[in-house]
Each structure stands twice: as structure tokens, then as C-alpha cells.
């Protein structure tokens, strides 16, 4: 079980963007570290639980759990493991596999 106190803020960024009507608005991104077990890259159920709690209000980014692997990303989509993915070219090994990972994520929205 993961509690709110298991997280620590590692970064806060603010970005001015335009909303759908062209008006400037501020988007804040808070990066949290922790909260998952030491074997978080294998904790599919834990990630799914954490993703379900806030719904679409928070972006839960799968990094080590997906490792830019198209098969892992497809599994994450099916199981709703995260609602975002961090793609790193050097994680999977080939450009072809990286492109496949990006395409899998795009298909899921």
C-alpha cells in the first residue's frame, strides 16, 4: 500500500501556454519521486492503483516500468498502468523499437 507521505517533490516547473481560446494560462508540473516499492519497475498493480486514484487530474508517467519497450507499453495500456510514458531512445536498443513504442503510445492517446 502506498500513502501520500511516501512521495517527495523533486521538481516544480511552470509553463505559460495558450488555452483552447488562445488565452494565456499557467500550467504547473510537479514531479514526485518515491511512493512505489523498491521493485516499482515490476509493480504493475501498484502503478495501476496509483493511476486510478486521481483519474485524469494527474499525469502518472511510466518510465522504468515500460523501459521504452512496445510490448510493455501495450500491456500498460491494457492494464491502465500509467496515463503517460517517458520514451528514451537508449532504453530499448534500436530506433525501430523506439518508433514502435512511440506509435503504441500515440494509438492509446
C-alpha atoms as a PDB file:
ATOM      1  CA  UNK A   1       0.000   0.000   0.000  1.00  0.00           C
ATOM      2  CA  UNK A   2       1.282   3.447  -0.927  1.00  0.00           C
ATOM      3  CA  UNK A   3       0.437   6.512   1.139  1.00  0.00           C
ATOM      4  CA  UNK A   4       0.666  10.207   0.304  1.00  0.00           C
ATOM      5  CA  UNK A   5       3.616  10.545   2.685  1.00  0.00           C
ATOM      6  CA  UNK A   6       5.671   8.120   0.594  1.00  0.00           C
ATOM      7  CA  UNK A   7       6.247  10.789  -2.067  1.00  0.00           C
ATOM      8  CA  UNK A   8       8.708  13.677  -2.149  1.00  0.00           C
ATOM      9  CA  UNK A   9       8.655  16.632  -4.527  1.00  0.00           C
ATOM     10  CA  UNK A  10      11.728  16.530  -6.733  1.00  0.00           C
ATOM     11  CA  UNK A  11      10.891  19.308  -9.194  1.00  0.00           C
ATOM     12  CA  UNK A  12       8.308  22.042  -9.852  1.00  0.00           C
ATOM     13  CA  UNK A  13       8.016  23.727 -13.248  1.00  0.00           C
ATOM     14  CA  UNK A  14       5.591  26.362 -14.501  1.00  0.00           C
ATOM     15  CA  UNK A  15       4.873  26.907 -18.174  1.00  0.00           C
ATOM     16  CA  UNK A  16       2.726  29.553 -19.805  1.00  0.00           C
ATOM     17  CA  UNK A  17       0.600  28.039 -22.572  1.00  0.00           C
ATOM     18  CA  UNK A  18      -2.442  29.063 -24.582  1.00  0.00           C
ATOM     19  CA  UNK A  19      -5.797  27.511 -23.761  1.00  0.00           C
ATOM     20  CA  UNK A  20      -8.319  26.394 -26.403  1.00  0.00           C
ATOM     21  CA  UNK A  21      -9.475  30.019 -26.892  1.00  0.00           C
ATOM     22  CA  UNK A  22      -5.948  31.377 -27.269  1.00  0.00           C
ATOM     23  CA  UNK A  23      -5.786  32.894 -23.784  1.00  0.00           C
ATOM     24  CA  UNK A  24      -2.542  32.541 -21.848  1.00  0.00           C
ATOM     25  CA  UNK A  25      -2.714  30.222 -18.860  1.00  0.00           C
ATOM     26  CA  UNK A  26      -0.156  28.777 -16.480  1.00  0.00           C
ATOM     27  CA  UNK A  27       0.367  25.013 -16.284  1.00  0.00           C
ATOM     28  CA  UNK A  28       2.260  23.695 -13.296  1.00  0.00           C
ATOM     29  CA  UNK A  29       4.075  20.368 -13.358  1.00  0.00           C
ATOM     30  CA  UNK A  30       5.144  18.840 -10.068  1.00  0.00           C
ATOM     31  CA  UNK A  31       7.452  15.837 -10.248  1.00  0.00           C
ATOM     32  CA  UNK A  32       7.158  13.393  -7.376  1.00  0.00           C
ATOM     33  CA  UNK A  33       9.641  10.676  -6.576  1.00  0.00           C
ATOM     34  CA  UNK A  34       9.023   7.657  -4.426  1.00  0.00           C
ATOM     35  CA  UNK A  35       5.677   6.272  -3.447  1.00  0.00           C
ATOM     36  CA  UNK A  36       6.268   2.884  -5.002  1.00  0.00           C
ATOM     37  CA  UNK A  37       8.145  -0.122  -3.720  1.00  0.00           C
ATOM     38  CA  UNK A  38      11.829  -0.673  -4.363  1.00  0.00           C
ATOM     39  CA  UNK A  39      10.814  -3.000  -7.203  1.00  0.00           C
ATOM     40  CA  UNK A  40       8.451  -0.443  -8.748  1.00  0.00           C
ATOM     41  CA  UNK A  41       9.533  -1.325 -12.279  1.00  0.00           C
ATOM     42  CA  UNK A  42       7.759  -4.665 -11.735  1.00  0.00           C
ATOM     43  CA  UNK A  43       4.802  -3.369  -9.706  1.00  0.00           C
ATOM     44  CA  UNK A  44       2.156  -3.279 -12.434  1.00  0.00           C
ATOM     45  CA  UNK A  45      -0.734  -3.469  -9.964  1.00  0.00           C
ATOM     46  CA  UNK A  46       0.732  -0.702  -7.801  1.00  0.00           C
ATOM     47  CA  UNK A  47       1.090   1.603 -10.785  1.00  0.00           C
ATOM     48  CA  UNK A  48      -2.475   0.858 -11.909  1.00  0.00           C
ATOM     49  CA  UNK A  49      -3.762   1.616  -8.402  1.00  0.00           C
ATOM     50  CA  UNK A  50      -1.912   4.934  -8.273  1.00  0.00           C
ATOM     51  CA  UNK A  51      -3.091   5.861 -11.779  1.00  0.00           C
ATOM     52  CA  UNK A  52      -6.749   5.115 -10.976  1.00  0.00           C
ATOM     53  CA  UNK A  53      -6.887   7.261  -7.816  1.00  0.00           C
ATOM     54  CA  UNK A  54      -6.571  10.742  -9.337  1.00  0.00           C
ATOM     55  CA  UNK A  55      -8.074   9.829 -12.715  1.00  0.00           C
ATOM     56  CA  UNK A  56      -7.107  12.348 -15.367  1.00  0.00           C
ATOM     57  CA  UNK A  57      -6.236  15.080 -12.842  1.00  0.00           C
ATOM     58  CA  UNK A  58      -2.640  13.859 -12.611  1.00  0.00           C
ATOM     59  CA  UNK A  59      -0.243  12.522 -15.177  1.00  0.00           C
ATOM     60  CA  UNK A  60       1.318   9.265 -13.990  1.00  0.00           C
ATOM     61  CA  UNK A  61       4.382   8.691 -16.164  1.00  0.00           C
ATOM     62  CA  UNK A  62       5.645   5.172 -16.738  1.00  0.00           C
ATOM     63  CA  UNK A  63       9.424   5.202 -17.088  1.00  0.00           C
ATOM     64  CA  UNK A  64      11.236   2.220 -15.586  1.00  0.00           C
ATOM     65  CA  UNK A  65       8.103   0.073 -15.773  1.00  0.00           C
ATOM     66  CA  UNK A  66       7.891   0.483 -19.576  1.00  0.00           C
ATOM     67  CA  UNK A  67      11.599   0.956 -20.461  1.00  0.00           C
ATOM     68  CA  UNK A  68      10.538   2.154 -23.937  1.00  0.00           C
ATOM     69  CA  UNK A  69       9.504  -1.429 -24.750  1.00  0.00           C
ATOM     70  CA  UNK A  70       6.484  -1.569 -27.121  1.00  0.00           C
ATOM     71  CA  UNK A  71       5.227  -4.822 -25.538  1.00  0.00           C
ATOM     72  CA  UNK A  72       5.401  -3.315 -22.041  1.00  0.00           C
ATOM     73  CA  UNK A  73       3.642  -0.154 -23.243  1.00  0.00           C
ATOM     74  CA  UNK A  74       0.869  -2.241 -24.838  1.00  0.00           C
ATOM     75  CA  UNK A  75       0.462  -4.125 -21.546  1.00  0.00           C
ATOM     76  CA  UNK A  76       0.359  -0.840 -19.657  1.00  0.00           C
ATOM     77  CA  UNK A  77      -2.371   0.439 -21.973  1.00  0.00           C
ATOM     78  CA  UNK A  78      -4.459  -2.714 -21.426  1.00  0.00           C
ATOM     79  CA  UNK A  79      -3.979  -2.656 -17.663  1.00  0.00           C
ATOM     80  CA  UNK A  80      -4.152   1.152 -17.310  1.00  0.00           C
ATOM     81  CA  UNK A  81      -0.787   1.091 -15.577  1.00  0.00           C
ATOM     82  CA  UNK A  82       0.011   4.756 -16.268  1.00  0.00           C
ATOM     83  CA  UNK A  83      -1.523   7.548 -18.308  1.00  0.00           C
ATOM     84  CA  UNK A  84       1.748   8.766 -19.832  1.00  0.00           C
ATOM     85  CA  UNK A  85       5.047   7.246 -20.893  1.00  0.00           C
ATOM     86  CA  UNK A  86       8.612   8.530 -20.982  1.00  0.00           C
ATOM     87  CA  UNK A  87      10.296   7.421 -24.215  1.00  0.00           C
ATOM     88  CA  UNK A  88      14.099   7.183 -24.219  1.00  0.00           C
ATOM     89  CA  UNK A  89      15.924   6.122 -27.377  1.00  0.00           C
ATOM     90  CA  UNK A  90      18.755   4.481 -25.447  1.00  0.00           C
ATOM     91  CA  UNK A  91      16.431   2.290 -23.317  1.00  0.00           C
ATOM     92  CA  UNK A  92      15.216  -0.296 -25.833  1.00  0.00           C
ATOM     93  CA  UNK A  93      18.179  -0.691 -28.128  1.00  0.00           C
ATOM     94  CA  UNK A  94      17.031   0.170 -31.649  1.00  0.00           C
ATOM     95  CA  UNK A  95      15.453   3.131 -33.382  1.00  0.00           C
ATOM     96  CA  UNK A  96      12.844   0.782 -34.888  1.00  0.00           C
ATOM     97  CA  UNK A  97      11.759  -0.381 -31.431  1.00  0.00           C
ATOM     98  CA  UNK A  98      11.689   3.206 -30.177  1.00  0.00           C
ATOM     99  CA  UNK A  99       9.429   4.232 -33.077  1.00  0.00           C
ATOM    100  CA  UNK A 100       7.159   1.243 -32.336  1.00  0.00           C
ATOM    101  CA  UNK A 101       6.959   2.376 -28.686  1.00  0.00           C
ATOM    102  CA  UNK A 102       6.008   5.908 -29.752  1.00  0.00           C
ATOM    103  CA  UNK A 103       3.364   4.568 -32.142  1.00  0.00           C
ATOM    104  CA  UNK A 104       1.856   2.353 -29.407  1.00  0.00           C
ATOM    105  CA  UNK A 105       1.613   5.344 -27.070  1.00  0.00           C
ATOM    106  CA  UNK A 106       0.086   7.560 -29.787  1.00  0.00           C
ATOM    107  CA  UNK A 107      -2.558   4.969 -30.628  1.00  0.00           C
ATOM    108  CA  UNK A 108      -3.622   4.963 -26.986  1.00  0.00           C
ATOM    109  CA  UNK A 109      -3.913   8.736 -26.949  1.00  0.00           C
END
